[in-house]
Protein backbone atom coordinates (compact mmCIF):
# COMPACT_ATOMS: atom_id res chain seq x y z
CA MET A 1 -64.05 73.23 53.83
CA ILE A 2 -62.82 72.67 50.50
CA ASN A 3 -60.03 70.35 49.39
CA ILE A 4 -59.09 70.44 45.73
CA ASN A 5 -56.63 67.76 44.72
CA LYS A 6 -55.10 67.80 41.06
CA LEU A 7 -58.09 69.22 39.31
CA THR A 8 -57.55 69.21 35.55
CA LYS A 9 -60.01 70.40 32.80
CA TYR A 10 -59.73 70.01 28.88
CA PHE A 11 -62.19 70.99 26.28
CA GLU A 12 -61.02 68.45 23.61
CA ASP A 13 -57.22 69.10 23.14
CA ASN A 14 -57.27 72.43 24.69
CA GLN A 15 -55.92 72.44 28.46
CA VAL A 16 -57.78 74.97 30.47
CA PHE A 17 -55.77 74.20 33.64
CA SER A 18 -54.07 71.30 34.94
CA ASN A 19 -53.20 69.68 38.55
CA VAL A 20 -54.67 72.53 40.43
CA SER A 21 -54.60 71.67 44.31
CA LEU A 22 -55.88 73.88 47.00
CA HIS A 23 -57.11 73.71 50.70
CA ILE A 24 -59.55 76.22 51.54
CA GLU A 25 -60.64 76.87 55.02
CA LYS A 26 -64.09 77.72 56.53
CA GLY A 27 -64.69 81.64 56.51
CA GLN A 28 -62.02 82.44 53.91
CA ILE A 29 -62.58 85.00 51.31
CA ILE A 30 -60.72 84.18 48.20
CA SER A 31 -60.31 86.36 45.23
CA LEU A 32 -59.48 84.64 42.03
CA ILE A 33 -57.70 87.15 39.41
CA GLY A 34 -55.78 86.77 36.19
CA PRO A 35 -56.03 87.70 32.60
CA SER A 36 -59.07 86.90 30.46
CA GLY A 37 -58.94 83.29 29.18
CA SER A 38 -56.78 81.83 32.15
CA GLY A 39 -59.62 79.45 32.98
CA LYS A 40 -60.87 81.52 36.31
CA SER A 41 -64.68 80.93 35.54
CA THR A 42 -64.16 77.36 34.27
CA PHE A 43 -62.33 76.50 37.53
CA LEU A 44 -65.43 78.01 39.61
CA ARG A 45 -67.81 75.92 37.67
CA CYS A 46 -65.91 72.94 38.19
CA LEU A 47 -66.10 73.29 41.91
CA ASN A 48 -69.97 72.59 41.93
CA LEU A 49 -69.84 70.23 38.76
CA LEU A 50 -71.45 72.84 36.42
CA GLU A 51 -68.52 71.71 34.39
CA GLU A 52 -67.40 68.17 34.80
CA PRO A 53 -63.49 68.16 35.66
CA THR A 54 -61.41 65.93 33.26
CA ASP A 55 -59.49 64.81 36.24
CA GLY A 56 -58.98 65.37 39.84
CA THR A 57 -61.17 65.54 42.97
CA VAL A 58 -63.37 68.30 44.91
CA ILE A 59 -64.02 67.56 48.37
CA ILE A 60 -66.51 69.78 50.31
CA ASP A 61 -67.10 69.06 54.15
CA ASN A 62 -65.40 65.73 53.67
CA ILE A 63 -67.90 64.56 50.75
CA SER A 64 -66.30 63.90 47.26
CA LEU A 65 -68.21 65.38 44.27
CA SER A 66 -66.45 62.63 42.12
CA ASP A 67 -67.98 59.83 44.20
CA ARG A 68 -71.18 59.18 42.51
CA LYS A 69 -72.49 57.45 45.60
CA ASN A 70 -72.84 61.06 47.05
CA SER A 71 -75.91 63.17 46.38
CA ILE A 72 -74.31 65.95 44.45
CA ALA A 73 -77.75 68.08 44.70
CA LYS A 74 -77.25 68.04 48.78
CA VAL A 75 -73.55 69.08 48.21
CA ARG A 76 -74.68 71.97 46.14
CA GLN A 77 -77.08 73.01 48.80
CA LYS A 78 -74.19 74.03 50.77
CA MET A 79 -72.56 75.96 47.71
CA GLY A 80 -74.37 78.73 46.08
CA MET A 81 -73.52 80.47 43.03
CA VAL A 82 -73.93 84.05 41.53
CA PHE A 83 -73.36 84.32 37.81
CA GLN A 84 -72.37 87.28 35.69
CA SER A 85 -75.96 87.09 34.09
CA PHE A 86 -78.70 87.46 36.72
CA ASN A 87 -80.85 84.55 35.54
CA LEU A 88 -84.01 85.80 37.47
CA TYR A 89 -87.33 84.37 36.21
CA SER A 90 -88.76 87.18 34.02
CA HIS A 91 -92.61 86.04 34.62
CA MET A 92 -91.93 86.13 38.52
CA THR A 93 -91.69 89.00 41.07
CA MET A 94 -88.95 89.38 43.08
CA LEU A 95 -90.67 87.68 46.02
CA GLU A 96 -91.71 84.70 43.86
CA ASN A 97 -88.07 84.45 42.48
CA LEU A 98 -86.58 84.03 46.04
CA CYS A 99 -89.52 81.87 47.16
CA ILE A 100 -89.45 78.98 44.55
CA ALA A 101 -86.27 77.15 45.49
CA PRO A 102 -86.64 77.15 49.17
CA VAL A 103 -90.15 75.64 48.78
CA LYS A 104 -89.40 73.25 46.13
CA LEU A 105 -86.03 71.99 47.07
CA LEU A 106 -85.75 72.50 50.72
CA GLY A 107 -89.29 71.92 51.54
CA LYS A 108 -89.75 75.05 53.36
CA ASP A 109 -93.16 76.37 54.69
CA PRO A 110 -94.42 78.93 52.15
CA GLU A 111 -95.02 81.44 54.75
CA HIS A 112 -91.36 81.07 56.24
CA ALA A 113 -89.95 81.36 52.71
CA VAL A 114 -92.01 84.57 52.08
CA HIS A 115 -90.74 85.94 55.59
CA LYS A 116 -87.07 84.93 54.78
CA ALA A 117 -87.13 86.30 51.12
CA THR A 118 -88.67 89.59 52.54
CA GLU A 119 -85.85 90.00 54.97
CA LEU A 120 -83.15 89.17 52.51
CA LEU A 121 -84.48 91.72 49.88
CA GLN A 122 -84.46 94.20 52.51
CA MET A 123 -80.94 93.30 53.42
CA VAL A 124 -79.63 93.98 49.96
CA GLY A 125 -81.71 97.20 49.65
CA LEU A 126 -84.78 96.06 47.79
CA GLY A 127 -87.33 96.18 50.48
CA GLU A 128 -89.53 98.17 48.15
CA LYS A 129 -89.17 95.95 45.15
CA LEU A 130 -90.89 92.82 46.60
CA HIS A 131 -93.59 92.72 43.79
CA SER A 132 -91.50 94.18 40.96
CA PHE A 133 -90.61 92.11 37.97
CA PRO A 134 -86.89 91.88 36.73
CA ASP A 135 -87.30 94.14 33.72
CA GLU A 136 -88.74 96.74 36.15
CA LEU A 137 -85.13 96.77 37.89
CA SER A 138 -81.81 98.20 37.03
CA GLY A 139 -78.94 95.81 36.29
CA GLY A 140 -77.35 96.61 39.59
CA GLN A 141 -80.66 95.83 41.52
CA GLN A 142 -81.27 92.65 39.63
CA GLN A 143 -77.76 91.40 40.60
CA ARG A 144 -78.47 92.21 44.16
CA ALA A 145 -81.82 90.34 43.84
CA ALA A 146 -79.81 87.33 42.58
CA ILE A 147 -77.39 87.65 45.65
CA ALA A 148 -80.48 87.41 47.95
CA ARG A 149 -81.96 84.31 45.93
CA CYS A 150 -78.70 82.64 46.36
CA LEU A 151 -78.91 83.32 50.10
CA THR A 152 -82.45 81.71 50.54
CA MET A 153 -80.77 78.29 50.12
CA GLU A 154 -78.73 79.04 53.18
CA PRO A 155 -75.22 78.12 51.63
CA GLU A 156 -72.08 77.83 53.69
CA ILE A 157 -70.02 78.85 50.50
CA ILE A 158 -70.80 81.13 47.68
CA LEU A 159 -69.18 81.20 44.27
CA PHE A 160 -69.27 84.63 42.50
CA ASP A 161 -68.42 84.62 38.86
CA GLU A 162 -67.61 88.24 38.00
CA PRO A 163 -70.63 89.50 39.25
CA THR A 164 -70.17 92.94 38.22
CA SER A 165 -68.89 92.37 34.71
CA ALA A 166 -72.50 92.96 33.08
CA LEU A 167 -73.12 96.04 34.98
CA ASP A 168 -72.77 99.80 34.02
CA PRO A 169 -69.90 101.32 36.11
CA THR A 170 -72.30 103.15 38.05
CA MET A 171 -73.97 99.99 39.38
CA VAL A 172 -70.76 98.12 40.17
CA SER A 173 -70.42 99.81 43.76
CA GLU A 174 -73.84 98.94 45.07
CA VAL A 175 -73.18 95.17 44.36
CA LEU A 176 -69.78 95.18 45.83
CA ALA A 177 -71.28 96.88 48.84
CA VAL A 178 -73.73 93.81 49.52
CA ILE A 179 -70.62 91.41 48.99
CA ARG A 180 -68.87 93.28 51.55
CA LYS A 181 -71.86 92.95 53.90
CA LEU A 182 -71.92 89.19 53.52
CA ALA A 183 -68.15 89.05 54.09
CA LYS A 184 -68.88 90.06 57.59
CA GLU A 185 -71.10 87.12 58.11
CA GLY A 186 -68.48 84.71 57.94
CA LEU A 187 -69.33 83.02 54.84
CA THR A 188 -66.98 81.15 52.76
CA MET A 189 -66.65 83.07 49.48
CA ILE A 190 -64.72 82.44 46.21
CA ILE A 191 -64.96 85.59 43.92
CA VAL A 192 -63.78 85.56 40.34
CA THR A 193 -63.21 89.41 39.77
CA HIS A 194 -61.57 92.10 37.81
CA GLU A 195 -62.13 94.73 40.36
CA MET A 196 -58.66 94.78 41.78
CA GLU A 197 -59.13 97.31 44.81
CA PHE A 198 -62.18 95.37 45.91
CA ALA A 199 -60.28 92.22 45.68
CA ARG A 200 -57.58 93.73 47.79
CA ASN A 201 -59.89 95.14 50.53
CA ILE A 202 -62.26 92.25 50.88
CA SER A 203 -60.07 89.00 50.50
CA THR A 204 -58.21 86.95 53.12
CA ARG A 205 -56.23 85.29 50.25
CA VAL A 206 -55.65 86.02 46.64
CA LEU A 207 -55.17 83.47 43.71
CA TYR A 208 -53.47 84.56 40.61
CA MET A 209 -54.15 82.31 37.75
CA ASP A 210 -52.17 82.01 34.71
CA GLU A 211 -50.23 79.33 32.59
CA GLY A 212 -52.90 76.78 33.28
CA GLY A 213 -53.04 76.85 37.16
CA ILE A 214 -52.60 78.88 40.12
CA TYR A 215 -49.59 80.79 39.23
CA GLU A 216 -49.29 82.66 42.42
CA ASP A 217 -51.03 82.48 45.93
CA GLY A 218 -50.67 84.95 49.03
CA SER A 219 -52.33 87.45 51.19
CA PRO A 220 -53.62 90.68 49.42
CA GLU A 221 -50.70 92.62 50.52
CA GLN A 222 -48.32 90.12 48.90
CA ILE A 223 -50.01 89.77 45.68
CA PHE A 224 -50.77 93.58 45.29
CA ASP A 225 -47.83 95.04 47.10
CA ARG A 226 -44.92 92.62 46.44
CA PRO A 227 -45.99 90.00 43.83
CA GLN A 228 -43.00 87.55 43.74
CA ARG A 229 -43.68 86.33 40.18
CA GLU A 230 -43.14 88.10 36.94
CA LYS A 231 -46.44 87.57 35.19
CA THR A 232 -48.28 88.55 38.51
CA GLN A 233 -46.10 91.86 38.69
CA ALA A 234 -47.08 92.56 34.80
CA PHE A 235 -50.66 91.85 35.55
CA ILE A 236 -50.83 93.93 38.84
CA HIS A 237 -48.95 96.83 37.59
CA ARG A 238 -50.49 96.62 34.08
CA ILE A 239 -47.14 96.39 32.56
CA ARG A 240 -46.92 96.82 28.75
CA SER A 241 -43.79 95.50 27.13
CA MET A 242 -41.74 94.75 24.18
CA ARG A 243 -38.81 92.53 23.19
CA TYR A 244 -35.92 92.64 20.63
CA HIS A 245 -33.63 89.85 19.90
CA ILE A 246 -29.97 90.49 18.84
CA THR A 247 -27.72 87.64 17.41
CA SER A 248 -25.05 89.62 15.67
CA LYS A 249 -22.75 92.43 16.00
CA ASP A 250 -24.20 93.70 12.73
CA PHE A 251 -27.86 94.19 14.21
CA ASP A 252 -29.89 96.93 12.83
CA LEU A 253 -29.82 99.63 15.66
CA TYR A 254 -32.15 101.92 13.68
CA GLU A 255 -34.80 99.30 13.62
CA LEU A 256 -34.46 98.63 17.21
CA GLN A 257 -34.77 102.29 17.82
CA GLY A 258 -37.78 102.61 15.51
CA GLU A 259 -39.68 99.87 17.48
CA MET A 260 -38.85 101.60 20.78
CA GLN A 261 -40.04 104.87 19.37
CA ALA A 262 -43.31 103.28 18.27
CA PHE A 263 -43.97 101.69 21.49
CA CYS A 264 -43.40 104.75 23.50
CA GLU A 265 -45.70 106.66 21.32
CA LYS A 266 -48.26 104.18 21.52
CA HIS A 267 -48.36 104.39 25.37
CA TRP A 268 -47.93 108.10 25.57
CA ILE A 269 -44.58 108.01 27.16
CA PRO A 270 -43.24 111.63 27.44
CA LYS A 271 -40.55 112.82 24.76
CA LYS A 272 -38.06 113.27 27.30
CA VAL A 273 -38.21 109.73 28.70
CA THR A 274 -38.44 108.23 25.21
CA GLY A 275 -35.31 110.20 24.42
CA TYR A 276 -33.59 108.62 27.64
CA VAL A 277 -34.62 105.11 26.34
CA LEU A 278 -33.31 105.50 22.87
CA LEU A 279 -30.10 106.85 24.42
CA LEU A 280 -29.86 104.15 26.93
CA ALA A 281 -30.20 101.27 24.25
CA GLU A 282 -27.63 102.73 22.13
CA GLU A 283 -25.16 103.08 25.16
CA ILE A 284 -25.84 99.62 26.64
CA LEU A 285 -25.24 97.95 23.35
CA LEU A 286 -21.94 99.75 22.67
CA ILE A 287 -20.36 98.34 25.75
CA GLN A 288 -21.35 94.72 25.06
CA SER A 289 -18.74 92.25 24.38
CA ASP A 290 -20.90 89.46 23.07
CA TYR A 291 -23.57 89.93 20.49
CA SER A 292 -24.64 86.31 19.77
CA ASP A 293 -27.39 86.51 22.20
CA ILE A 294 -28.89 89.63 23.56
CA TRP A 295 -32.41 90.40 24.48
CA ILE A 296 -33.55 93.99 24.93
CA ASN A 297 -36.83 94.51 27.00
CA LEU A 298 -38.67 97.59 27.39
CA TYR A 299 -41.41 97.67 30.14
CA TYR A 300 -44.21 100.50 30.89
CA SER A 301 -46.26 100.45 33.85
CA GLU A 302 -49.60 101.96 33.30
CA LYS A 303 -50.18 101.96 37.04
CA ASP A 304 -47.25 104.32 38.26
CA GLY A 305 -45.91 105.37 34.89
CA ASN A 306 -42.40 103.82 35.48
CA VAL A 307 -40.27 102.64 32.43
CA GLU A 308 -37.65 100.34 32.63
CA LEU A 309 -34.96 99.03 30.23
CA LYS A 310 -33.62 95.44 30.86
CA THR A 311 -31.10 93.66 28.93
CA GLU A 312 -30.17 89.89 29.09
CA SER A 313 -26.86 88.86 27.44
CA SER A 314 -24.93 85.80 27.11
CA GLY A 315 -21.17 85.31 28.00
CA PRO A 316 -18.96 85.05 31.07
CA GLN A 317 -20.30 86.69 34.44
CA VAL A 318 -19.39 90.59 34.19
CA ASN A 319 -21.21 93.65 35.23
CA PRO A 320 -20.22 96.21 32.19
CA LEU A 321 -21.24 98.97 34.49
CA GLU A 322 -18.97 98.19 37.52
CA GLU A 323 -16.13 100.80 37.92
CA GLY A 324 -13.04 99.76 36.34
CA VAL A 325 -14.42 97.40 33.80
CA LEU A 326 -14.83 100.11 30.89
CA GLU A 327 -11.84 101.52 29.18
CA ASP A 328 -13.46 105.03 29.78
CA ASP A 329 -16.30 106.13 31.93
CA ILE A 330 -18.12 108.23 29.44
CA GLY A 331 -20.66 105.58 28.54
CA LEU A 332 -21.23 104.82 32.24
CA LYS A 333 -21.75 108.61 33.07
CA ILE A 334 -24.20 108.81 30.34
CA ILE A 335 -26.08 105.80 31.39
CA THR A 336 -26.24 106.54 35.20
CA GLY A 337 -27.32 110.15 34.28
CA ALA A 338 -30.30 108.79 32.44
CA CYS A 339 -31.60 106.48 35.15
CA GLU A 340 -33.06 106.61 38.59
CA SER A 341 -31.54 103.13 39.56
CA VAL A 342 -29.33 100.46 37.80
CA ASP A 343 -29.26 96.78 38.97
CA TYR A 344 -26.97 94.07 37.81
CA SER A 345 -27.50 90.17 38.60
CA TYR A 346 -26.32 87.02 36.71
CA GLU A 347 -29.28 84.62 36.11
CA GLU A 348 -29.32 81.27 34.35
CA GLY A 349 -26.07 82.02 32.59
CA LYS A 350 -26.86 85.57 31.44
CA ASN A 351 -25.81 88.98 32.57
CA VAL A 352 -28.90 90.94 33.61
CA LEU A 353 -29.00 94.92 33.57
CA LYS A 354 -32.23 96.44 34.91
CA LEU A 355 -32.42 100.25 34.23
CA LYS A 356 -35.06 102.25 35.52
CA VAL A 357 -35.40 105.34 33.28
CA LYS A 358 -35.60 108.67 34.70
CA ALA A 359 -39.15 110.48 34.59
CA GLY A 360 -39.42 113.38 32.19
């Protein structure tokens, strides 16, 4: 249905995304998630040339949008778009808003257009609002009307650009319910959204966008339950973090612990857990043999409340917590006593310890 090859977009010298290649099959429901500013909305707008790509191609049903010989208007008729703002004509009733495009652009008979518009407004729960003007409707009702208007053009693909972001939270569910209903109709949909549970439940495929491209691509189960890459994990689990770099044995332990204390207070981490964090940082650093390049990372997951301390240290491969490595095992007992789990690995020339801190 949609083939995207090396799609790239710059705004002057600012790269939004680069070399994005995707194949989207008919009937797939794609959720596009990621942090604000990662290019999700711009990517969506490039698919129907509301934004001109800097480079690359978009092919819809074997018709290239970059080939000027092809009629962009005809390709766009296959692809409807629902925006954050509703873009309804304020001087027209709901029925008039829905009838104007099919009559003027598709050449539909006005009577047929009225019949179809009435059906669609009833489908989205607005059967009683046929003769109402936009300012007489709530935000959620206006967005449902905008979806119905999109459907009057009989699209095969619908692009949704954060369709609930302009709505009061109480109105979000009514719009999402309409999109769920459309999903059962077999339409191909690409949805930019910050509604994670909605994306998990409705999607056949989820794309996480970051670092100027599609950072991770997978099923909802993979992306939300078993994300493979670090930034996806941080985004899905709403992980907050701090990093501290040590380059000398004469590092300032009190400064490090002060920053950790402030981080824990900022995120309302319980005092007992904060105490474990400070203790672990001190004990882990006491057993290091090389202080020339040590990174201390502290992570807090807002989703499940887990706290993890991760150290990355240069030097020969050695697990300092392995039995028999330390001269005495007091430090080891203190560390394991404050942790739910301890994992060691050797990655890219660094000894990596991951300590899951005990809950309070």
